[in-house]
Protein backbone atom coordinates (compact mmCIF):
# COMPACT_ATOMS: atom_id res chain seq x y z
CA MET A 1 -44.38 -52.42 67.28
CA ASP A 2 -47.20 -54.57 68.56
CA ALA A 3 -46.72 -56.12 72.03
CA ASP A 4 -47.40 -59.58 70.58
CA GLU A 5 -44.46 -59.18 68.20
CA VAL A 6 -42.13 -58.77 71.17
CA SER A 7 -43.62 -61.37 73.49
CA PRO A 8 -46.34 -63.50 71.91
CA ALA A 9 -48.53 -65.74 74.05
CA VAL A 10 -47.04 -69.07 73.02
CA TRP A 11 -47.69 -71.18 76.12
CA SER A 12 -50.95 -72.65 77.29
CA ILE A 13 -51.92 -75.28 79.83
CA GLN A 14 -53.69 -78.48 78.86
CA ILE A 15 -55.86 -80.45 81.25
CA CYS A 16 -55.15 -84.10 80.49
CA ASP A 17 -56.91 -87.26 81.58
CA SER A 18 -53.51 -88.93 81.97
CA ASN A 19 -49.97 -87.75 82.68
CA LYS A 20 -48.91 -88.26 79.03
CA CYS A 21 -51.37 -85.78 77.48
CA ASP A 22 -51.44 -87.59 74.16
CA GLY A 23 -54.23 -88.31 71.76
CA LYS A 24 -57.54 -86.59 72.42
CA ASP A 25 -57.53 -86.90 76.20
CA HIS A 26 -56.91 -83.18 76.78
CA ARG A 27 -58.68 -79.83 76.82
CA PRO A 28 -57.40 -76.27 77.35
CA LEU A 29 -57.29 -74.62 80.77
CA GLN A 30 -59.86 -71.83 80.72
CA ALA A 31 -60.78 -69.06 83.13
CA ASN A 32 -63.51 -66.50 83.62
CA VAL A 33 -63.83 -63.40 85.77
CA LYS A 34 -66.95 -63.24 87.92
CA ASN A 35 -69.20 -65.37 85.73
CA GLY A 36 -67.96 -63.83 82.50
CA GLN A 37 -67.09 -65.52 79.23
CA TRP A 38 -64.70 -68.48 79.41
CA ARG A 39 -61.32 -67.77 77.81
CA ASN A 40 -58.29 -69.96 77.13
CA VAL A 41 -55.42 -69.15 79.49
CA VAL A 42 -52.24 -68.26 77.57
CA PHE A 43 -48.78 -67.08 78.61
CA ALA A 44 -45.74 -65.42 77.09
CA ASP A 45 -43.55 -67.01 79.76
CA TYR A 46 -43.12 -70.73 80.44
CA GLY A 47 -42.28 -70.07 84.10
CA GLN A 48 -45.61 -68.32 84.74
CA ALA A 49 -47.50 -71.20 83.12
CA VAL A 50 -45.70 -73.66 85.40
CA LYS A 51 -46.45 -71.55 88.50
CA LEU A 52 -50.18 -71.42 87.73
CA ALA A 53 -50.34 -75.14 86.97
CA HIS A 54 -48.57 -75.89 90.26
CA GLY A 55 -50.86 -73.53 92.20
CA LEU A 56 -54.01 -75.13 90.81
CA ARG A 57 -52.73 -78.66 91.45
CA THR A 58 -51.82 -77.67 95.01
CA VAL A 59 -55.16 -76.11 96.03
CA GLN A 60 -57.32 -78.58 94.00
CA LYS A 61 -60.06 -75.94 93.68
CA SER A 62 -61.31 -73.94 90.73
CA THR A 63 -60.18 -70.70 92.39
CA ILE A 64 -56.87 -69.69 93.93
CA PRO A 65 -57.10 -67.70 97.18
CA GLY A 66 -56.79 -63.98 96.44
CA SER A 67 -57.75 -64.36 92.77
CA ASN A 68 -60.97 -63.24 91.08
CA LEU A 69 -60.62 -65.92 88.38
CA THR A 70 -62.52 -69.19 88.18
CA PHE A 71 -60.82 -72.02 86.27
CA ASN A 72 -62.24 -75.15 84.64
CA TYR A 73 -59.92 -77.29 86.80
CA PRO A 74 -60.40 -79.63 88.59
CA SER A 75 -63.16 -81.29 86.60
CA ASP A 76 -66.56 -81.90 88.11
CA PRO A 77 -66.54 -84.61 89.45
CA PRO A 78 -62.81 -84.54 90.19
CA ASN A 79 -60.64 -86.96 88.22
CA PRO A 80 -57.63 -88.01 90.36
CA LYS A 81 -55.59 -88.81 87.22
CA GLU A 82 -56.03 -85.34 85.67
CA SER A 83 -52.79 -83.51 84.94
CA LEU A 84 -52.00 -79.89 84.09
CA ILE A 85 -49.27 -79.69 81.48
CA PRO A 86 -47.80 -76.49 79.97
CA VAL A 87 -47.54 -76.81 76.19
CA GLU A 88 -45.99 -74.57 73.56
CA ARG A 89 -48.51 -73.33 71.03
CA MET A 90 -47.66 -73.19 67.35
CA ASP A 91 -50.56 -70.89 66.45
CA ASP A 92 -51.39 -67.35 67.59
CA ALA A 93 -53.40 -67.92 70.77
CA CYS A 94 -54.40 -64.27 71.14
CA LYS A 95 -56.02 -63.70 67.76
CA PRO A 96 -59.67 -64.65 67.20
CA GLU A 97 -60.30 -67.52 64.82
CA LYS A 98 -62.41 -65.30 62.58
CA THR A 99 -61.65 -61.66 61.96
CA GLU A 100 -64.61 -59.33 61.91
CA GLU A 101 -64.88 -56.37 59.63
CA ILE A 102 -65.26 -53.09 61.45
CA SER A 103 -67.49 -50.60 59.70
CA ARG A 104 -66.47 -46.97 59.82
CA ARG A 105 -68.99 -44.19 59.45
């Protein structure tokens, strides 16, 4: 059984320009490791999503002390009305949008 079948990543965090997070005023929270590729941050557990959102709002920096991740929050320049809101995803956040064929020799 695949790990995603047991506990799929169904939670993400949206960065919103207002506290309602409606319309098109939001974008996904993303992270990278040491100047790597930016990836959407997803969770299998709502509680962990809330803890990260709270931690980022508290420190108001793109890194959390003791972490090797850089986040795209807060925006540059900082927007004092920006909110971090955990949202439940209805799609599979872990699968790529396009599947690539793997050639076997």
